[in-house]
Protein backbone atom coordinates (compact mmCIF):
# COMPACT_ATOMS: atom_id res chain seq x y z
CA UNK A 1 82.14 121.13 107.48
CA UNK A 2 80.52 117.85 106.46
CA UNK A 3 81.95 114.54 107.63
CA UNK A 4 82.68 113.70 103.98
CA UNK A 5 84.92 116.77 103.60
CA UNK A 6 86.63 116.49 106.98
CA UNK A 7 90.05 114.86 106.87
CA UNK A 8 90.31 111.69 108.96
CA UNK A 9 92.51 111.74 112.03
CA UNK A 10 94.68 108.89 110.70
CA UNK A 11 95.77 107.90 107.22
CA UNK A 12 96.67 104.24 106.87
CA UNK A 13 98.77 104.25 103.71
CA UNK A 14 99.54 101.01 101.88
CA UNK A 15 102.13 101.06 99.09
CA UNK A 16 101.88 97.73 97.24
CA UNK A 17 103.40 95.93 94.28
CA UNK A 18 102.33 92.40 93.31
CA UNK A 19 101.04 91.77 96.81
CA UNK A 20 98.17 89.36 96.10
CA UNK A 21 99.57 86.57 98.29
CA UNK A 22 99.07 88.35 101.61
CA UNK A 23 97.13 91.49 100.69
CA UNK A 24 93.70 90.38 101.88
CA UNK A 25 95.05 89.30 105.25
CA UNK A 26 96.82 92.62 105.78
CA UNK A 27 93.86 94.74 104.64
CA UNK A 28 91.49 92.77 106.87
CA UNK A 29 93.75 93.46 109.85
CA UNK A 30 93.91 97.16 109.07
CA UNK A 31 90.18 97.56 108.54
CA UNK A 32 89.52 95.73 111.83
CA UNK A 33 91.33 98.41 113.87
CA UNK A 34 89.45 99.48 117.00
CA UNK A 35 90.31 103.09 116.16
CA UNK A 36 87.96 103.80 113.27
CA UNK A 37 88.51 107.45 112.28
CA UNK A 38 90.87 106.66 109.42
CA UNK A 39 91.17 106.46 105.69
CA UNK A 40 92.95 103.52 104.08
CA UNK A 41 94.83 104.71 101.01
CA UNK A 42 96.35 102.15 98.64
CA UNK A 43 98.93 103.07 96.02
CA UNK A 44 99.38 100.21 93.57
CA UNK A 45 102.78 100.40 91.89
CA UNK A 46 101.60 99.06 88.49
CA UNK A 47 101.15 95.50 89.79
CA UNK A 48 100.96 92.70 87.24
CA UNK A 49 99.23 90.10 89.45
CA UNK A 50 95.78 90.13 91.05
CA UNK A 51 96.50 93.09 93.34
CA UNK A 52 94.27 95.54 91.46
CA UNK A 53 91.22 93.27 91.55
CA UNK A 54 91.66 92.66 95.29
CA UNK A 55 91.98 96.39 96.00
CA UNK A 56 88.88 97.26 93.99
CA UNK A 57 86.98 94.59 95.90
CA UNK A 58 87.85 96.36 99.16
CA UNK A 59 86.95 99.78 97.74
CA UNK A 60 83.47 98.45 96.95
CA UNK A 61 83.19 96.95 100.42
CA UNK A 62 84.37 99.81 102.69
CA UNK A 63 84.00 103.58 102.01
CA UNK A 64 87.18 104.31 103.98
CA UNK A 65 89.29 102.60 101.29
CA UNK A 66 90.72 104.64 98.41
CA UNK A 67 92.67 103.01 95.58
CA UNK A 68 95.18 104.62 93.22
CA UNK A 69 97.15 102.83 90.53
CA UNK A 70 100.44 104.16 89.18
CA UNK A 71 100.78 104.06 85.39
CA UNK A 72 104.33 102.70 85.74
CA UNK A 73 106.41 101.19 88.53
CA UNK A 74 108.06 104.14 90.29
CA UNK A 75 110.07 101.98 92.71
CA UNK A 76 109.30 101.08 96.31
CA UNK A 77 110.53 104.34 97.90
CA UNK A 78 108.73 106.39 95.25
CA UNK A 79 105.52 104.57 96.08
CA UNK A 80 105.95 105.30 99.81
CA UNK A 81 106.23 108.98 98.94
CA UNK A 82 103.31 108.79 96.50
CA UNK A 83 100.92 107.27 99.03
CA UNK A 84 101.97 109.92 101.58
CA UNK A 85 101.03 112.66 99.12
CA UNK A 86 97.67 110.99 98.54
CA UNK A 87 96.89 110.92 102.27
CA UNK A 88 95.22 113.61 104.39
CA UNK A 89 95.25 112.52 108.03
CA UNK A 90 96.67 114.38 111.03
CA UNK A 91 98.56 111.18 111.81
CA UNK A 92 100.12 108.96 109.16
CA UNK A 93 100.75 105.23 109.21
CA UNK A 94 102.59 103.47 106.41
CA UNK A 95 101.50 99.82 106.25
CA UNK A 96 103.02 97.07 104.15
CA UNK A 97 100.91 94.63 102.17
CA UNK A 98 102.25 91.48 103.83
CA UNK A 99 102.58 92.21 107.55
CA UNK A 100 100.12 91.70 110.43
CA UNK A 101 98.52 94.26 112.74
CA UNK A 102 96.82 93.74 116.10
CA UNK A 103 93.36 95.41 116.22
CA UNK A 104 94.51 97.93 118.86
CA UNK A 105 97.70 98.97 117.03
CA UNK A 106 96.40 102.33 115.81
CA UNK A 107 94.33 103.05 118.92
CA UNK A 108 97.23 102.63 121.30
CA UNK A 109 99.66 104.64 119.19
CA UNK A 110 97.17 107.49 118.69
CA UNK A 111 96.58 107.59 122.46
CA UNK A 112 100.30 108.21 123.00
CA UNK A 113 100.49 110.97 120.39
CA UNK A 114 97.36 112.66 121.74
CA UNK A 115 98.68 112.62 125.30
CA UNK A 116 102.26 113.67 124.49
CA UNK A 117 102.72 116.57 122.06
CA UNK A 118 106.52 116.15 122.26
CA UNK A 119 106.30 112.68 120.69
CA UNK A 120 106.38 112.62 116.89
CA UNK A 121 106.27 108.83 116.39
CA UNK A 122 104.69 105.97 118.35
CA UNK A 123 104.99 102.29 117.54
CA UNK A 124 104.67 98.95 119.38
CA UNK A 125 106.91 95.99 120.00
CA UNK A 126 107.04 93.40 117.25
CA UNK A 127 106.81 89.71 116.53
CA UNK A 128 108.80 88.26 113.67
CA UNK A 129 106.52 85.86 111.81
CA UNK A 130 107.09 83.37 109.02
CA UNK A 131 105.35 83.07 105.66
CA UNK A 132 102.37 81.38 107.35
CA UNK A 133 102.05 83.99 110.12
CA UNK A 134 103.54 81.79 112.87
CA UNK A 135 105.65 83.69 115.42
CA UNK A 136 109.35 82.86 115.08
CA UNK A 137 110.59 85.26 117.78
CA UNK A 138 109.83 88.54 119.46
CA UNK A 139 111.75 91.70 118.69
CA UNK A 140 112.17 94.56 121.13
CA UNK A 141 113.20 97.48 118.97
CA UNK A 142 115.46 99.80 121.02
CA UNK A 143 114.18 103.07 119.59
CA UNK A 144 112.23 104.42 122.55
CA UNK A 145 113.66 107.95 122.45
CA UNK A 146 112.66 110.07 125.46
CA UNK A 147 115.76 112.27 125.35
CA UNK A 148 115.25 116.03 125.29
CA UNK A 149 118.27 116.50 123.03
CA UNK A 150 117.76 116.10 119.30
CA UNK A 151 121.44 115.18 118.94
CA UNK A 152 121.10 112.35 121.46
CA UNK A 153 118.02 111.03 119.69
CA UNK A 154 119.78 111.24 116.33
CA UNK A 155 122.80 109.38 117.71
CA UNK A 156 120.62 106.57 119.00
CA UNK A 157 118.81 106.10 115.69
CA UNK A 158 122.10 105.93 113.79
CA UNK A 159 123.80 103.62 116.31
CA UNK A 160 120.91 101.39 117.37
CA UNK A 161 118.62 100.88 114.35
CA UNK A 162 118.44 97.27 113.23
CA UNK A 163 115.24 95.88 111.63
CA UNK A 164 113.78 99.37 111.46
CA UNK A 165 110.10 98.86 112.30
CA UNK A 166 109.50 102.34 113.69
CA UNK A 167 108.69 103.93 110.32
CA UNK A 168 105.62 101.66 110.22
CA UNK A 169 104.25 103.20 113.41
CA UNK A 170 101.86 106.14 113.72
CA UNK A 171 103.57 109.44 112.93
CA UNK A 172 102.69 113.13 113.10
CA UNK A 173 102.22 114.36 109.55
CA UNK A 174 103.19 117.88 110.64
CA UNK A 175 106.67 116.54 111.43
CA UNK A 176 106.95 114.30 108.39
CA UNK A 177 106.67 117.26 106.01
CA UNK A 178 110.01 118.49 107.37
CA UNK A 179 111.80 115.30 106.21
CA UNK A 180 112.77 113.76 102.90
CA UNK A 181 110.48 110.78 103.61
CA UNK A 182 111.66 107.42 102.25
CA UNK A 183 114.27 108.04 99.57
CA UNK A 184 115.93 106.12 96.76
CA UNK A 185 119.22 105.63 98.61
CA UNK A 186 119.89 102.39 100.48
CA UNK A 187 118.74 102.36 104.14
CA UNK A 188 116.63 105.46 103.55
CA UNK A 189 114.16 104.20 106.18
CA UNK A 190 116.86 104.69 108.82
CA UNK A 191 117.74 108.08 107.38
CA UNK A 192 114.05 109.04 107.57
CA UNK A 193 113.93 107.99 111.23
CA UNK A 194 117.08 110.01 111.89
CA UNK A 195 115.37 113.09 110.46
CA UNK A 196 112.27 112.41 112.55
CA UNK A 197 114.44 112.05 115.67
CA UNK A 198 115.76 115.56 115.09
CA UNK A 199 112.17 116.81 115.31
CA UNK A 200 110.89 115.05 118.41
CA UNK A 201 110.70 112.01 120.67
CA UNK A 202 109.77 108.41 119.82
CA UNK A 203 107.62 106.29 122.14
CA UNK A 204 107.34 102.50 122.16
CA UNK A 205 103.99 100.96 123.12
CA UNK A 206 105.03 98.07 125.42
CA UNK A 207 102.82 95.45 123.78
CA UNK A 208 103.46 93.16 120.83
CA UNK A 209 101.01 94.57 118.28
CA UNK A 210 102.92 94.18 115.00
CA UNK A 211 103.82 91.04 113.07
CA UNK A 212 106.73 91.58 110.67
CA UNK A 213 106.53 88.84 108.07
CA UNK A 214 109.73 87.40 106.65
CA UNK A 215 109.34 85.45 103.40
CA UNK A 216 111.23 84.99 100.16
CA UNK A 217 109.59 88.00 98.47
CA UNK A 218 109.76 90.43 101.40
CA UNK A 219 111.90 93.56 101.27
CA UNK A 220 114.11 92.30 104.12
CA UNK A 221 114.80 88.92 102.54
CA UNK A 222 117.02 89.83 99.56
CA UNK A 223 118.31 93.20 100.73
CA UNK A 224 121.95 92.42 99.79
CA UNK A 225 121.07 91.29 96.24
CA UNK A 226 122.10 93.91 93.69
CA UNK A 227 119.36 93.02 91.19
CA UNK A 228 116.71 93.18 93.93
CA UNK A 229 118.05 96.60 94.95
CA UNK A 230 117.76 97.87 91.38
CA UNK A 231 114.24 96.55 90.91
CA UNK A 232 113.02 97.85 94.26
CA UNK A 233 114.71 101.24 94.46
CA UNK A 234 114.83 102.36 90.84
CA UNK A 235 113.37 99.96 88.25
CA UNK A 236 114.78 100.65 84.83
CA UNK A 237 117.83 102.53 86.10
CA UNK A 238 121.34 101.20 86.78
CA UNK A 239 123.75 102.22 89.53
CA UNK A 240 121.15 102.70 92.26
CA UNK A 241 123.71 101.94 94.98
CA UNK A 242 126.18 104.63 93.87
CA UNK A 243 127.19 107.16 96.53
CA UNK A 244 124.70 105.66 99.02
CA UNK A 245 126.54 106.87 102.12
CA UNK A 246 127.27 110.25 100.61
CA UNK A 247 123.61 110.69 99.68
CA UNK A 248 122.52 109.69 103.18
CA UNK A 249 124.79 112.25 104.83
CA UNK A 250 123.87 115.00 102.40
CA UNK A 251 120.19 114.37 103.14
CA UNK A 252 120.85 114.56 106.88
CA UNK A 253 123.00 117.70 106.63
CA UNK A 254 120.35 119.39 104.50
CA UNK A 255 117.60 118.60 107.02
CA UNK A 256 119.71 119.45 110.07
CA UNK A 257 120.39 122.90 108.66
CA UNK A 258 116.68 123.54 108.08
CA UNK A 259 114.93 121.69 110.88
CA UNK A 260 112.53 124.02 112.77
CA UNK A 261 114.66 124.15 115.94
CA UNK A 262 116.70 126.91 117.61
CA UNK A 263 119.96 127.78 115.85
CA UNK A 264 122.10 126.31 118.65
CA UNK A 265 120.38 122.92 118.35
CA UNK A 266 120.75 122.92 114.58
CA UNK A 267 124.44 123.69 114.97
CA UNK A 268 124.83 120.76 117.40
CA UNK A 269 123.20 118.44 114.86
CA UNK A 270 125.51 119.64 112.09
CA UNK A 271 128.60 119.22 114.28
CA UNK A 272 127.62 115.67 115.18
CA UNK A 273 127.09 114.74 111.53
CA UNK A 274 130.41 116.36 110.58
CA UNK A 275 132.24 114.36 113.26
CA UNK A 276 130.59 111.16 112.09
CA UNK A 277 131.62 111.80 108.50
CA UNK A 278 135.21 112.26 109.67
CA UNK A 279 135.03 108.96 111.58
CA UNK A 280 133.77 107.27 108.42
CA UNK A 281 136.04 109.03 105.99
CA UNK A 282 137.63 105.72 104.87
CA UNK A 283 134.18 104.38 103.93
CA UNK A 284 133.28 107.60 102.12
CA UNK A 285 136.59 107.72 100.23
CA UNK A 286 136.26 104.05 99.26
CA UNK A 287 132.76 104.71 97.95
CA UNK A 288 134.07 107.54 95.77
CA UNK A 289 136.81 105.30 94.38
CA UNK A 290 134.45 102.40 93.70
CA UNK A 291 131.90 104.64 92.03
CA UNK A 292 134.63 106.07 89.79
CA UNK A 293 136.13 102.70 88.84
CA UNK A 294 132.73 100.99 88.42
CA UNK A 295 130.44 103.91 87.59
CA UNK A 296 127.37 101.88 86.59
CA UNK A 297 127.48 98.99 89.02
CA UNK A 298 129.33 100.17 92.08
CA UNK A 299 129.65 97.80 95.01
CA UNK A 300 127.55 98.80 97.99
CA UNK A 301 129.66 100.12 100.86
CA UNK A 302 127.81 99.86 104.15
CA UNK A 303 128.72 102.20 107.03
CA UNK A 304 130.38 100.72 110.09
């Protein structure tokens, strides 16, 4: 097989929408990775700024870069799924268009996955940076998951996820295909990590190799704003927040029943999720009531 036809070991997948402000800086950091056997796949979500011109500039500069432009804005989660489908690598790395990456990020994560077949996701510690890239604080994400039990790993993701950086690590594609990826329900990144935790272990690289940028246009900045939610999750459609907790649990129950694990382990996962739904029955009932009373603009009910 020729090198042109061979799939790269890693797909660096960049979903972007109107990202011209930081896009060059992020792409430069990704293309400077010390691990070089990768493709960089960009899915442009019908941007209206200078994003397309910047992306085409990088395509002309580096043969590893592939650019795809959506005809319409399919929402942020839809674009994460789209760029996954466009990618071919054994390992997959979603990368945002405004964050920062140390040159050894991919190399160190790939080394973990190569050495440990039981690990499905590897990612490093993080720095929280401001709009100018200055470090504001460090962040030690707690999701190092060495437990043998899929139920224990699932519990930890649900109970301990906070800023949720792990989905931007390096992930086994062979495991990702058994999940629902990033979905259109709120907090679907945590739900995705919960599905991944059913499938295998997570490993944290003990170095600060990722810079998560917080600025006024970032996805973590206006997360509680209903209009931002609508524009990000489902542009052109109302009621995106309806039944968010119900949808999350139905996703998890569906995957737990079908995850490629022994029947006893799948049953343990289903029992845990059933118990958790009972514990949160007041939240789930309230969500049903709110969605019935305000069917097109239901208030978001966050799980406790």
